[in-house]
Amino acid sequence: MGENVRARVVIDGRVQGVAYRFETQYAAERIGVNGWVRNRPDGTVQALFEGERARVEEMIAWCRRGPALARVTTVDVSWEDYCGDLSDFRILR
């Protein structure tokens, strides 16, 4: 098993109203990371991913593409200390 990590990600562009959160949840479950995703009032999407480094990095790479209707312009990643307090992946409202 690889090193466990935690990453907070903010995605900007056309990312609201294009099923970004739902597709992120689907991708996270498929890839095998825990965390959450939510829309922010400024039009960006924020996510928190936790798990094995390779899987979290794969999830971040997915965020740079997003779902078919999204147009991602930037993805800002902040690495944090791994906590292990997340047991699934959720959409926050």
PDB file of N, CA and C in Angstrom:
ATOM      1  N   MET A   1       0.831  -1.182   0.000  1.00  0.00           N
ATOM      2  CA  MET A   1       0.000   0.000   0.000  1.00  0.00           C
ATOM      3  C   MET A   1       0.875   1.244   0.000  1.00  0.00           C
ATOM      4  N   GLY A   2       0.358   2.312  -0.654  1.00  0.00           N
ATOM      5  CA  GLY A   2       1.092   3.562  -0.737  1.00  0.00           C
ATOM      6  C   GLY A   2       0.806   4.477   0.436  1.00  0.00           C
ATOM      7  N   GLU A   3       1.494   5.590   0.423  1.00  0.00           N
ATOM      8  CA  GLU A   3       1.325   6.618   1.444  1.00  0.00           C
ATOM      9  C   GLU A   3      -0.075   7.223   1.356  1.00  0.00           C
ATOM     10  N   ASN A   4      -0.699   7.443   2.499  1.00  0.00           N
ATOM     11  CA  ASN A   4      -2.001   8.096   2.534  1.00  0.00           C
ATOM     12  C   ASN A   4      -1.830   9.602   2.601  1.00  0.00           C
ATOM     13  N   VAL A   5      -2.658  10.318   1.821  1.00  0.00           N
ATOM     14  CA  VAL A   5      -2.573  11.771   1.732  1.00  0.00           C
ATOM     15  C   VAL A   5      -3.971  12.379   1.748  1.00  0.00           C
ATOM     16  N   ARG A   6      -3.995  13.705   1.877  1.00  0.00           N
ATOM     17  CA  ARG A   6      -5.247  14.461   1.868  1.00  0.00           C
ATOM     18  C   ARG A   6      -5.010  15.709   1.018  1.00  0.00           C
ATOM     19  N   ALA A   7      -5.938  16.005   0.112  1.00  0.00           N
ATOM     20  CA  ALA A   7      -5.809  17.174  -0.758  1.00  0.00           C
ATOM     21  C   ALA A   7      -7.126  17.935  -0.805  1.00  0.00           C
ATOM     22  N   ARG A   8      -7.034  19.252  -0.642  1.00  0.00           N
ATOM     23  CA  ARG A   8      -8.191  20.146  -0.794  1.00  0.00           C
ATOM     24  C   ARG A   8      -8.031  20.801  -2.160  1.00  0.00           C
ATOM     25  N   VAL A   9      -9.092  20.741  -2.972  1.00  0.00           N
ATOM     26  CA  VAL A   9      -9.015  21.157  -4.365  1.00  0.00           C
ATOM     27  C   VAL A   9     -10.122  22.167  -4.645  1.00  0.00           C
ATOM     28  N   VAL A  10      -9.780  23.238  -5.371  1.00  0.00           N
ATOM     29  CA  VAL A  10     -10.770  24.208  -5.834  1.00  0.00           C
ATOM     30  C   VAL A  10     -10.687  24.241  -7.350  1.00  0.00           C
ATOM     31  N   ILE A  11     -11.819  23.983  -7.999  1.00  0.00           N
ATOM     32  CA  ILE A  11     -11.897  23.892  -9.449  1.00  0.00           C
ATOM     33  C   ILE A  11     -12.667  25.095  -9.965  1.00  0.00           C
ATOM     34  N   ASP A  12     -12.103  25.789 -10.950  1.00  0.00           N
ATOM     35  CA  ASP A  12     -12.735  26.979 -11.512  1.00  0.00           C
ATOM     36  C   ASP A  12     -12.992  26.768 -12.996  1.00  0.00           C
ATOM     37  N   GLY A  13     -13.930  27.522 -13.525  1.00  0.00           N
ATOM     38  CA  GLY A  13     -14.330  27.433 -14.925  1.00  0.00           C
ATOM     39  C   GLY A  13     -15.823  27.236 -14.998  1.00  0.00           C
ATOM     40  N   ARG A  14     -16.281  26.600 -16.056  1.00  0.00           N
ATOM     41  CA  ARG A  14     -17.708  26.257 -16.144  1.00  0.00           C
ATOM     42  C   ARG A  14     -17.876  24.905 -15.454  1.00  0.00           C
ATOM     43  N   VAL A  15     -18.106  24.970 -14.137  1.00  0.00           N
ATOM     44  CA  VAL A  15     -18.132  23.750 -13.342  1.00  0.00           C
ATOM     45  C   VAL A  15     -19.411  23.606 -12.513  1.00  0.00           C
ATOM     46  N   GLN A  16     -20.297  24.586 -12.584  1.00  0.00           N
ATOM     47  CA  GLN A  16     -21.592  24.453 -11.917  1.00  0.00           C
ATOM     48  C   GLN A  16     -22.672  24.352 -12.993  1.00  0.00           C
ATOM     49  N   GLY A  17     -23.681  23.524 -12.720  1.00  0.00           N
ATOM     50  CA  GLY A  17     -24.752  23.325 -13.692  1.00  0.00           C
ATOM     51  C   GLY A  17     -24.403  22.342 -14.794  1.00  0.00           C
ATOM     52  N   VAL A  18     -23.319  21.583 -14.607  1.00  0.00           N
ATOM     53  CA  VAL A  18     -22.880  20.620 -15.624  1.00  0.00           C
ATOM     54  C   VAL A  18     -22.666  19.230 -15.015  1.00  0.00           C
ATOM     55  N   ALA A  19     -23.282  18.977 -13.863  1.00  0.00           N
ATOM     56  CA  ALA A  19     -23.205  17.689 -13.145  1.00  0.00           C
ATOM     57  C   ALA A  19     -21.799  17.405 -12.613  1.00  0.00           C
ATOM     58  N   TYR A  20     -21.015  18.447 -12.355  1.00  0.00           N
ATOM     59  CA  TYR A  20     -19.642  18.255 -11.890  1.00  0.00           C
ATOM     60  C   TYR A  20     -19.601  17.500 -10.560  1.00  0.00           C
ATOM     61  N   ARG A  21     -20.441  17.896  -9.600  1.00  0.00           N
ATOM     62  CA  ARG A  21     -20.426  17.229  -8.294  1.00  0.00           C
ATOM     63  C   ARG A  21     -20.813  15.767  -8.398  1.00  0.00           C
ATOM     64  N   PHE A  22     -21.837  15.474  -9.162  1.00  0.00           N
ATOM     65  CA  PHE A  22     -22.302  14.087  -9.283  1.00  0.00           C
ATOM     66  C   PHE A  22     -21.262  13.219  -9.983  1.00  0.00           C
ATOM     67  N   GLU A  23     -20.657  13.755 -11.027  1.00  0.00           N
ATOM     68  CA  GLU A  23     -19.616  13.003 -11.732  1.00  0.00           C
ATOM     69  C   GLU A  23     -18.363  12.843 -10.876  1.00  0.00           C
ATOM     70  N   THR A  24     -18.077  13.852 -10.025  1.00  0.00           N
ATOM     71  CA  THR A  24     -16.942  13.742  -9.113  1.00  0.00           C
ATOM     72  C   THR A  24     -17.184  12.614  -8.122  1.00  0.00           C
ATOM     73  N   GLN A  25     -18.385  12.544  -7.587  1.00  0.00           N
ATOM     74  CA  GLN A  25     -18.709  11.464  -6.644  1.00  0.00           C
ATOM     75  C   GLN A  25     -18.555  10.101  -7.324  1.00  0.00           C
ATOM     76  N   TYR A  26     -19.064   9.976  -8.523  1.00  0.00           N
ATOM     77  CA  TYR A  26     -18.955   8.717  -9.254  1.00  0.00           C
ATOM     78  C   TYR A  26     -17.480   8.352  -9.479  1.00  0.00           C
ATOM     79  N   ALA A  27     -16.667   9.332  -9.907  1.00  0.00           N
ATOM     80  CA  ALA A  27     -15.248   9.079 -10.158  1.00  0.00           C
ATOM     81  C   ALA A  27     -14.522   8.706  -8.862  1.00  0.00           C
ATOM     82  N   ALA A  28     -14.827   9.399  -7.774  1.00  0.00           N
ATOM     83  CA  ALA A  28     -14.171   9.122  -6.491  1.00  0.00           C
ATOM     84  C   ALA A  28     -14.492   7.709  -6.009  1.00  0.00           C
ATOM     85  N   GLU A  29     -15.726   7.299  -6.172  1.00  0.00           N
ATOM     86  CA  GLU A  29     -16.106   5.947  -5.763  1.00  0.00           C
ATOM     87  C   GLU A  29     -15.421   4.908  -6.637  1.00  0.00           C
ATOM     88  N   ARG A  30     -15.315   5.185  -7.931  1.00  0.00           N
ATOM     89  CA  ARG A  30     -14.655   4.258  -8.854  1.00  0.00           C
ATOM     90  C   ARG A  30     -13.155   4.173  -8.568  1.00  0.00           C
ATOM     91  N   ILE A  31     -12.526   5.320  -8.321  1.00  0.00           N
ATOM     92  CA  ILE A  31     -11.086   5.373  -8.083  1.00  0.00           C
ATOM     93  C   ILE A  31     -10.736   4.877  -6.687  1.00  0.00           C
ATOM     94  N   GLY A  32     -11.636   5.100  -5.737  1.00  0.00           N
ATOM     95  CA  GLY A  32     -11.417   4.592  -4.383  1.00  0.00           C
ATOM     96  C   GLY A  32     -10.833   5.603  -3.416  1.00  0.00           C
ATOM     97  N   VAL A  33     -11.359   6.833  -3.452  1.00  0.00           N
ATOM     98  CA  VAL A  33     -10.949   7.845  -2.473  1.00  0.00           C
ATOM     99  C   VAL A  33     -12.163   8.276  -1.657  1.00  0.00           C
ATOM    100  N   ASN A  34     -11.909   8.740  -0.455  1.00  0.00           N
ATOM    101  CA  ASN A  34     -12.954   9.273   0.411  1.00  0.00           C
ATOM    102  C   ASN A  34     -12.907  10.792   0.377  1.00  0.00           C
ATOM    103  N   GLY A  35     -14.011  11.421   0.836  1.00  0.00           N
ATOM    104  CA  GLY A  35     -14.023  12.873   0.907  1.00  0.00           C
ATOM    105  C   GLY A  35     -15.382  13.451   0.603  1.00  0.00           C
ATOM    106  N   TRP A  36     -15.361  14.639   0.020  1.00  0.00           N
ATOM    107  CA  TRP A  36     -16.609  15.327  -0.311  1.00  0.00           C
ATOM    108  C   TRP A  36     -16.370  16.339  -1.428  1.00  0.00           C
ATOM    109  N   VAL A  37     -17.488  16.808  -2.010  1.00  0.00           N
ATOM    110  CA  VAL A  37     -17.460  17.841  -3.043  1.00  0.00           C
ATOM    111  C   VAL A  37     -18.650  18.756  -2.824  1.00  0.00           C
ATOM    112  N   ARG A  38     -18.473  20.054  -3.141  1.00  0.00           N
ATOM    113  CA  ARG A  38     -19.581  21.003  -2.989  1.00  0.00           C
ATOM    114  C   ARG A  38     -19.387  22.183  -3.931  1.00  0.00           C
ATOM    115  N   ASN A  39     -20.516  22.806  -4.293  1.00  0.00           N
ATOM    116  CA  ASN A  39     -20.494  24.071  -5.015  1.00  0.00           C
ATOM    117  C   ASN A  39     -20.209  25.184  -4.023  1.00  0.00           C
ATOM    118  N   ARG A  40     -19.493  26.209  -4.480  1.00  0.00           N
ATOM    119  CA  ARG A  40     -19.263  27.384  -3.654  1.00  0.00           C
ATOM    120  C   ARG A  40     -19.999  28.576  -4.261  1.00  0.00           C
ATOM    121  N   PRO A  41     -20.370  29.553  -3.442  1.00  0.00           N
ATOM    122  CA  PRO A  41     -21.130  30.704  -3.946  1.00  0.00           C
ATOM    123  C   PRO A  41     -20.423  31.490  -5.050  1.00  0.00           C
ATOM    124  N   ASP A  42     -19.095  31.417  -5.115  1.00  0.00           N
ATOM    125  CA  ASP A  42     -18.353  32.170  -6.136  1.00  0.00           C
ATOM    126  C   ASP A  42     -18.324  31.474  -7.498  1.00  0.00           C
ATOM    127  N   GLY A  43     -19.038  30.342  -7.640  1.00  0.00           N
ATOM    128  CA  GLY A  43     -19.099  29.637  -8.920  1.00  0.00           C
ATOM    129  C   GLY A  43     -18.071  28.536  -9.078  1.00  0.00           C
ATOM    130  N   THR A  44     -17.200  28.367  -8.098  1.00  0.00           N
ATOM    131  CA  THR A  44     -16.216  27.287  -8.155  1.00  0.00           C
ATOM    132  C   THR A  44     -16.777  26.048  -7.479  1.00  0.00           C
ATOM    133  N   VAL A  45     -16.065  24.955  -7.617  1.00  0.00           N
ATOM    134  CA  VAL A  45     -16.380  23.707  -6.925  1.00  0.00           C
ATOM    135  C   VAL A  45     -15.189  23.392  -6.029  1.00  0.00           C
ATOM    136  N   GLN A  46     -15.471  22.987  -4.797  1.00  0.00           N
ATOM    137  CA  GLN A  46     -14.417  22.606  -3.853  1.00  0.00           C
ATOM    138  C   GLN A  46     -14.582  21.136  -3.517  1.00  0.00           C
ATOM    139  N   ALA A  47     -13.452  20.447  -3.383  1.00  0.00           N
ATOM    140  CA  ALA A  47     -13.482  19.031  -3.017  1.00  0.00           C
ATOM    141  C   ALA A  47     -12.362  18.733  -2.040  1.00  0.00           C
ATOM    142  N   LEU A  48     -12.574  17.695  -1.266  1.00  0.00           N
ATOM    143  CA  LEU A  48     -11.557  17.184  -0.347  1.00  0.00           C
ATOM    144  C   LEU A  48     -11.411  15.701  -0.645  1.00  0.00           C
ATOM    145  N   PHE A  49     -10.192  15.278  -0.953  1.00  0.00           N
ATOM    146  CA  PHE A  49      -9.914  13.879  -1.276  1.00  0.00           C
ATOM    147  C   PHE A  49      -8.927  13.321  -0.268  1.00  0.00           C
ATOM    148  N   GLU A  50      -9.158  12.082   0.135  1.00  0.00           N
ATOM    149  CA  GLU A  50      -8.260  11.432   1.071  1.00  0.00           C
ATOM    150  C   GLU A  50      -8.116   9.965   0.675  1.00  0.00           C
ATOM    151  N   GLY A  51      -6.887   9.464   0.724  1.00  0.00           N
ATOM    152  CA  GLY A  51      -6.631   8.068   0.406  1.00  0.00           C
ATOM    153  C   GLY A  51      -5.188   7.875  -0.005  1.00  0.00           C
ATOM    154  N   GLU A  52      -4.922   6.781  -0.693  1.00  0.00           N
ATOM    155  CA  GLU A  52      -3.569   6.507  -1.176  1.00  0.00           C
ATOM    156  C   GLU A  52      -3.155   7.586  -2.173  1.00  0.00           C
ATOM    157  N   ARG A  53      -1.882   7.995  -2.088  1.00  0.00           N
ATOM    158  CA  ARG A  53      -1.395   9.097  -2.932  1.00  0.00           C
ATOM    159  C   ARG A  53      -1.720   8.895  -4.411  1.00  0.00           C
ATOM    160  N   ALA A  54      -1.467   7.719  -4.943  1.00  0.00           N
ATOM    161  CA  ALA A  54      -1.700   7.484  -6.375  1.00  0.00           C
ATOM    162  C   ALA A  54      -3.168   7.682  -6.729  1.00  0.00           C
ATOM    163  N   ARG A  55      -4.059   7.269  -5.854  1.00  0.00           N
ATOM    164  CA  ARG A  55      -5.493   7.418  -6.120  1.00  0.00           C
ATOM    165  C   ARG A  55      -5.935   8.876  -6.013  1.00  0.00           C
ATOM    166  N   VAL A  56      -5.407   9.580  -5.022  1.00  0.00           N
ATOM    167  CA  VAL A  56      -5.740  11.006  -4.885  1.00  0.00           C
ATOM    168  C   VAL A  56      -5.211  11.779  -6.094  1.00  0.00           C
ATOM    169  N   GLU A  57      -4.000  11.462  -6.535  1.00  0.00           N
ATOM    170  CA  GLU A  57      -3.452  12.121  -7.719  1.00  0.00           C
ATOM    171  C   GLU A  57      -4.272  11.804  -8.965  1.00  0.00           C
ATOM    172  N   GLU A  58      -4.768  10.581  -9.072  1.00  0.00           N
ATOM    173  CA  GLU A  58      -5.643  10.225 -10.199  1.00  0.00           C
ATOM    174  C   GLU A  58      -6.931  11.035 -10.139  1.00  0.00           C
ATOM    175  N   MET A  59      -7.458  11.249  -8.945  1.00  0.00           N
ATOM    176  CA  MET A  59      -8.684  12.032  -8.779  1.00  0.00           C
ATOM    177  C   MET A  59      -8.451  13.491  -9.161  1.00  0.00           C
ATOM    178  N   ILE A  60      -7.306  14.036  -8.769  1.00  0.00           N
ATOM    179  CA  ILE A  60      -6.974  15.418  -9.140  1.00  0.00           C
ATOM    180  C   ILE A  60      -6.848  15.545 -10.653  1.00  0.00           C
ATOM    181  N   ALA A  61      -6.235  14.559 -11.300  1.00  0.00           N
ATOM    182  CA  ALA A  61      -6.124  14.555 -12.758  1.00  0.00           C
ATOM    183  C   ALA A  61      -7.515  14.525 -13.388  1.00  0.00           C
ATOM    184  N   TRP A  62      -8.428  13.745 -12.801  1.00  0.00           N
ATOM    185  CA  TRP A  62      -9.802  13.713 -13.317  1.00  0.00           C
ATOM    186  C   TRP A  62     -10.428  15.106 -13.192  1.00  0.00           C
ATOM    187  N   CYS A  63     -10.194  15.784 -12.086  1.00  0.00           N
ATOM    188  CA  CYS A  63     -10.775  17.119 -11.867  1.00  0.00           C
ATOM    189  C   CYS A  63     -10.323  18.110 -12.934  1.00  0.00           C
ATOM    190  N   ARG A  64      -9.127  17.944 -13.452  1.00  0.00           N
ATOM    191  CA  ARG A  64      -8.622  18.856 -14.490  1.00  0.00           C
ATOM    192  C   ARG A  64      -9.408  18.709 -15.796  1.00  0.00           C
ATOM    193  N   ARG A  65     -10.049  17.555 -15.986  1.00  0.00           N
ATOM    194  CA  ARG A  65     -10.898  17.327 -17.162  1.00  0.00           C
ATOM    195  C   ARG A  65     -12.358  17.557 -16.817  1.00  0.00           C
ATOM    196  N   GLY A  66     -12.818  16.908 -15.755  1.00  0.00           N
ATOM    197  CA  GLY A  66     -14.211  17.007 -15.343  1.00  0.00           C
ATOM    198  C   GLY A  66     -15.137  16.284 -16.296  1.00  0.00           C
ATOM    199  N   PRO A  67     -16.446  16.428 -16.082  1.00  0.00           N
ATOM    200  CA  PRO A  67     -17.422  15.799 -16.972  1.00  0.00           C
ATOM    201  C   PRO A  67     -17.452  16.481 -18.342  1.00  0.00           C
ATOM    202  N   ALA A  68     -18.130  15.865 -19.278  1.00  0.00           N
ATOM    203  CA  ALA A  68     -18.111  16.313 -20.675  1.00  0.00           C
ATOM    204  C   ALA A  68     -18.521  17.775 -20.869  1.00  0.00           C
ATOM    205  N   LEU A  69     -19.510  18.260 -20.138  1.00  0.00           N
ATOM    206  CA  LEU A  69     -19.999  19.628 -20.345  1.00  0.00           C
ATOM    207  C   LEU A  69     -19.192  20.685 -19.585  1.00  0.00           C
ATOM    208  N   ALA A  70     -18.303  20.266 -18.716  1.00  0.00           N
ATOM    209  CA  ALA A  70     -17.499  21.214 -17.933  1.00  0.00           C
ATOM    210  C   ALA A  70     -16.370  21.793 -18.791  1.00  0.00           C
ATOM    211  N   ARG A  71     -15.951  22.989 -18.432  1.00  0.00           N
ATOM    212  CA  ARG A  71     -14.777  23.624 -19.035  1.00  0.00           C
ATOM    213  C   ARG A  71     -13.912  24.125 -17.887  1.00  0.00           C
ATOM    214  N   VAL A  72     -12.988  23.304 -17.468  1.00  0.00           N
ATOM    215  CA  VAL A  72     -12.136  23.619 -16.323  1.00  0.00           C
ATOM    216  C   VAL A  72     -11.026  24.569 -16.773  1.00  0.00           C
ATOM    217  N   THR A  73     -10.868  25.683 -16.038  1.00  0.00           N
ATOM    218  CA  THR A  73      -9.788  26.627 -16.348  1.00  0.00           C
ATOM    219  C   THR A  73      -8.630  26.487 -15.379  1.00  0.00           C
ATOM    220  N   THR A  74      -8.914  26.297 -14.092  1.00  0.00           N
ATOM    221  CA  THR A  74      -7.838  26.113 -13.114  1.00  0.00           C
ATOM    222  C   THR A  74      -8.248  25.109 -12.048  1.00  0.00           C
ATOM    223  N   VAL A  75      -7.248  24.429 -11.523  1.00  0.00           N
ATOM    224  CA  VAL A  75      -7.432  23.522 -10.386  1.00  0.00           C
ATOM    225  C   VAL A  75      -6.335  23.851  -9.385  1.00  0.00           C
ATOM    226  N   ASP A  76      -6.724  24.391  -8.239  1.00  0.00           N
ATOM    227  CA  ASP A  76      -5.771  24.709  -7.176  1.00  0.00           C
ATOM    228  C   ASP A  76      -5.791  23.586  -6.154  1.00  0.00           C
ATOM    229  N   VAL A  77      -4.623  23.060  -5.823  1.00  0.00           N
ATOM    230  CA  VAL A  77      -4.498  21.935  -4.902  1.00  0.00           C
ATOM    231  C   VAL A  77      -3.710  22.372  -3.673  1.00  0.00           C
ATOM    232  N   SER A  78      -4.269  22.099  -2.495  1.00  0.00           N
ATOM    233  CA  SER A  78      -3.574  22.330  -1.232  1.00  0.00           C
ATOM    234  C   SER A  78      -3.436  20.983  -0.529  1.00  0.00           C
ATOM    235  N   TRP A  79      -2.207  20.569  -0.270  1.00  0.00           N
ATOM    236  CA  TRP A  79      -1.962  19.306   0.423  1.00  0.00           C
ATOM    237  C   TRP A  79      -2.052  19.534   1.920  1.00  0.00           C
ATOM    238  N   GLU A  80      -2.726  18.628   2.611  1.00  0.00           N
ATOM    239  CA  GLU A  80      -2.916  18.724   4.054  1.00  0.00           C
ATOM    240  C   GLU A  80      -2.461  17.419   4.699  1.00  0.00           C
ATOM    241  N   ASP A  81      -2.353  17.438   6.015  1.00  0.00           N
ATOM    242  CA  ASP A  81      -2.018  16.221   6.736  1.00  0.00           C
ATOM    243  C   ASP A  81      -3.167  15.224   6.628  1.00  0.00           C
ATOM    244  N   TYR A  82      -2.829  13.971   6.401  1.00  0.00           N
ATOM    245  CA  TYR A  82      -3.832  12.904   6.344  1.00  0.00           C
ATOM    246  C   TYR A  82      -4.485  12.755   7.718  1.00  0.00           C
ATOM    247  N   CYS A  83      -5.825  12.662   7.725  1.00  0.00           N
ATOM    248  CA  CYS A  83      -6.565  12.516   8.987  1.00  0.00           C
ATOM    249  C   CYS A  83      -7.185  11.128   9.137  1.00  0.00           C
ATOM    250  N   GLY A  84      -7.677  10.553   8.047  1.00  0.00           N
ATOM    251  CA  GLY A  84      -8.325   9.247   8.130  1.00  0.00           C
ATOM    252  C   GLY A  84      -9.707   9.291   8.745  1.00  0.00           C
ATOM    253  N   ASP A  85     -10.320  10.477   8.772  1.00  0.00           N
ATOM    254  CA  ASP A  85     -11.634  10.624   9.401  1.00  0.00           C
ATOM    255  C   ASP A  85     -12.797  10.553   8.408  1.00  0.00           C
ATOM    256  N   LEU A  86     -12.509  10.245   7.155  1.00  0.00           N
ATOM    257  CA  LEU A  86     -13.544  10.181   6.126  1.00  0.00           C
ATOM    258  C   LEU A  86     -13.753   8.717   5.713  1.00  0.00           C
ATOM    259  N   SER A  87     -15.013   8.286   5.697  1.00  0.00           N
ATOM    260  CA  SER A  87     -15.293   6.864   5.444  1.00  0.00           C
ATOM    261  C   SER A  87     -15.987   6.606   4.104  1.00  0.00           C
ATOM    262  N   ASP A  88     -16.343   7.677   3.393  1.00  0.00           N
ATOM    263  CA  ASP A  88     -17.005   7.527   2.095  1.00  0.00           C
ATOM    264  C   ASP A  88     -16.814   8.812   1.310  1.00  0.00           C
ATOM    265  N   PHE A  89     -17.543   8.954   0.206  1.00  0.00           N
ATOM    266  CA  PHE A  89     -17.481  10.186  -0.573  1.00  0.00           C
ATOM    267  C   PHE A  89     -18.884  10.760  -0.687  1.00  0.00           C
ATOM    268  N   ARG A  90     -19.041  12.037  -0.332  1.00  0.00           N
ATOM    269  CA  ARG A  90     -20.363  12.660  -0.285  1.00  0.00           C
ATOM    270  C   ARG A  90     -20.414  13.964  -1.083  1.00  0.00           C
ATOM    271  N   ILE A  91     -21.616  14.307  -1.489  1.00  0.00           N
ATOM    272  CA  ILE A  91     -21.898  15.621  -2.045  1.00  0.00           C
ATOM    273  C   ILE A  91     -22.452  16.464  -0.909  1.00  0.00           C
ATOM    274  N   LEU A  92     -21.774  17.561  -0.601  1.00  0.00           N
ATOM    275  CA  LEU A  92     -22.257  18.489   0.431  1.00  0.00           C
ATOM    276  C   LEU A  92     -23.108  19.563  -0.239  1.00  0.00           C
ATOM    277  N   ARG A  93     -24.117  20.006   0.439  1.00  0.00           N
ATOM    278  CA  ARG A  93     -25.003  21.045  -0.106  1.00  0.00           C
ATOM    279  C   ARG A  93     -24.773  22.348   0.596  1.00  0.00           C
TER     280      ARG A  93
END
